[in-house]
Amino acid sequence: MTVKSTMHQMLRRFEWSVPKNYRLQLTWGTGPMPADDLPIDMRARAQR
């Protein structure tokens, strides 16, 4: 439940994006996961 509430707040407070020409490459661990650690850009949303 803690992870769910943390993700909820992060999704509400930040905008997430990946590089424009990014192509996802997967590798296998306990399940599929990004091979290159998924480069993301996070920006704070404007306050309302």
N, C-alpha and C. Protein backbone atom coordinates (compact mmCIF):
# COMPACT_ATOMS: atom_id res chain seq x y z
N MET A 1 0.82 -1.19 0.00
CA MET A 1 0.00 0.00 0.00
C MET A 1 0.87 1.26 0.00
N THR A 2 2.02 1.22 0.65
CA THR A 2 2.91 2.37 0.69
C THR A 2 3.42 2.72 -0.70
N VAL A 3 3.79 1.72 -1.48
CA VAL A 3 4.27 1.96 -2.84
C VAL A 3 3.17 2.58 -3.68
N LYS A 4 1.96 2.09 -3.53
CA LYS A 4 0.83 2.62 -4.29
C LYS A 4 0.58 4.09 -3.97
N SER A 5 0.62 4.47 -2.70
CA SER A 5 0.38 5.87 -2.34
C SER A 5 1.55 6.76 -2.77
N THR A 6 2.77 6.23 -2.73
CA THR A 6 3.93 6.99 -3.20
C THR A 6 3.83 7.25 -4.70
N MET A 7 3.50 6.21 -5.47
CA MET A 7 3.35 6.37 -6.92
C MET A 7 2.21 7.34 -7.24
N HIS A 8 1.14 7.29 -6.50
CA HIS A 8 0.02 8.20 -6.71
C HIS A 8 0.49 9.65 -6.59
N GLN A 9 1.25 9.96 -5.55
CA GLN A 9 1.74 11.32 -5.35
C GLN A 9 2.74 11.72 -6.44
N MET A 10 3.60 10.80 -6.84
CA MET A 10 4.58 11.12 -7.89
C MET A 10 3.88 11.39 -9.22
N LEU A 11 2.86 10.63 -9.54
CA LEU A 11 2.13 10.84 -10.79
C LEU A 11 1.35 12.14 -10.77
N ARG A 12 0.88 12.55 -9.61
CA ARG A 12 0.14 13.81 -9.49
C ARG A 12 1.06 15.03 -9.54
N ARG A 13 2.27 14.90 -9.00
CA ARG A 13 3.16 16.06 -8.85
C ARG A 13 4.18 16.24 -9.97
N PHE A 14 4.42 15.19 -10.77
CA PHE A 14 5.46 15.27 -11.79
C PHE A 14 4.95 14.82 -13.15
N GLU A 15 5.56 15.37 -14.21
CA GLU A 15 5.34 14.90 -15.57
C GLU A 15 6.55 14.05 -15.93
N TRP A 16 6.32 12.92 -16.56
CA TRP A 16 7.38 11.98 -16.91
C TRP A 16 7.46 11.89 -18.42
N SER A 17 8.68 11.78 -18.96
CA SER A 17 8.85 11.55 -20.40
C SER A 17 10.16 10.80 -20.62
N VAL A 18 10.27 10.22 -21.80
CA VAL A 18 11.50 9.55 -22.22
C VAL A 18 12.02 10.30 -23.44
N PRO A 19 13.29 10.13 -23.81
CA PRO A 19 13.82 10.81 -25.00
C PRO A 19 12.95 10.52 -26.23
N LYS A 20 12.88 11.49 -27.13
CA LYS A 20 11.98 11.41 -28.28
C LYS A 20 12.16 10.14 -29.12
N ASN A 21 13.38 9.75 -29.40
CA ASN A 21 13.63 8.57 -30.26
C ASN A 21 13.92 7.31 -29.46
N TYR A 22 13.49 7.27 -28.22
CA TYR A 22 13.79 6.14 -27.33
C TYR A 22 13.07 4.87 -27.79
N ARG A 23 13.79 3.77 -27.84
CA ARG A 23 13.21 2.46 -28.14
C ARG A 23 13.48 1.55 -26.95
N LEU A 24 12.42 1.03 -26.39
CA LEU A 24 12.53 0.17 -25.21
C LEU A 24 13.22 -1.14 -25.55
N GLN A 25 14.24 -1.49 -24.79
CA GLN A 25 14.92 -2.77 -24.91
C GLN A 25 14.74 -3.49 -23.58
N LEU A 26 14.20 -4.70 -23.64
CA LEU A 26 13.92 -5.44 -22.42
C LEU A 26 14.94 -6.53 -22.16
N THR A 27 15.15 -6.82 -20.90
CA THR A 27 15.94 -7.96 -20.46
C THR A 27 15.08 -8.69 -19.43
N TRP A 28 15.48 -9.89 -19.08
CA TRP A 28 14.67 -10.67 -18.14
C TRP A 28 15.38 -10.84 -16.81
N GLY A 29 14.65 -10.57 -15.75
CA GLY A 29 15.11 -10.82 -14.39
C GLY A 29 14.01 -11.66 -13.76
N THR A 30 13.35 -11.13 -12.75
CA THR A 30 12.18 -11.80 -12.20
C THR A 30 10.97 -11.56 -13.08
N GLY A 31 11.14 -10.68 -14.04
CA GLY A 31 10.12 -10.34 -15.04
C GLY A 31 10.79 -9.42 -16.05
N PRO A 32 10.08 -9.00 -17.08
CA PRO A 32 10.71 -8.11 -18.05
C PRO A 32 11.04 -6.76 -17.41
N MET A 33 12.22 -6.23 -17.75
CA MET A 33 12.63 -4.93 -17.23
C MET A 33 13.51 -4.24 -18.26
N PRO A 34 13.58 -2.90 -18.24
CA PRO A 34 14.39 -2.19 -19.22
C PRO A 34 15.87 -2.56 -19.11
N ALA A 35 16.50 -2.82 -20.25
CA ALA A 35 17.91 -3.20 -20.27
C ALA A 35 18.83 -2.02 -19.99
N ASP A 36 18.35 -0.80 -20.24
CA ASP A 36 19.19 0.39 -20.08
C ASP A 36 18.73 1.28 -18.93
N ASP A 37 18.05 0.72 -17.97
CA ASP A 37 17.56 1.42 -16.78
C ASP A 37 16.53 2.50 -17.07
N LEU A 38 15.92 2.50 -18.25
CA LEU A 38 14.83 3.40 -18.62
C LEU A 38 15.13 4.87 -18.31
N PRO A 39 15.83 5.55 -19.23
CA PRO A 39 16.14 6.96 -19.00
C PRO A 39 14.87 7.81 -19.04
N ILE A 40 14.54 8.46 -17.94
CA ILE A 40 13.34 9.30 -17.90
C ILE A 40 13.71 10.72 -17.51
N ASP A 41 12.86 11.64 -17.91
CA ASP A 41 12.99 13.04 -17.52
C ASP A 41 11.77 13.36 -16.68
N MET A 42 11.98 13.81 -15.45
CA MET A 42 10.87 14.16 -14.56
C MET A 42 10.90 15.66 -14.32
N ARG A 43 9.74 16.28 -14.49
CA ARG A 43 9.61 17.72 -14.23
C ARG A 43 8.42 17.95 -13.33
N ALA A 44 8.60 18.84 -12.39
CA ALA A 44 7.50 19.17 -11.48
C ALA A 44 6.37 19.84 -12.27
N ARG A 45 5.15 19.43 -11.99
CA ARG A 45 4.00 20.08 -12.62
C ARG A 45 3.83 21.47 -12.04
N ALA A 46 3.22 22.35 -12.81
CA ALA A 46 2.93 23.70 -12.32
C ALA A 46 1.92 23.61 -11.19
N GLN A 47 2.11 24.41 -10.16
CA GLN A 47 1.18 24.43 -9.03
C GLN A 47 -0.13 25.06 -9.46
N ARG A 48 -1.23 24.54 -8.97
CA ARG A 48 -2.55 25.10 -9.31
C ARG A 48 -2.96 26.12 -8.31
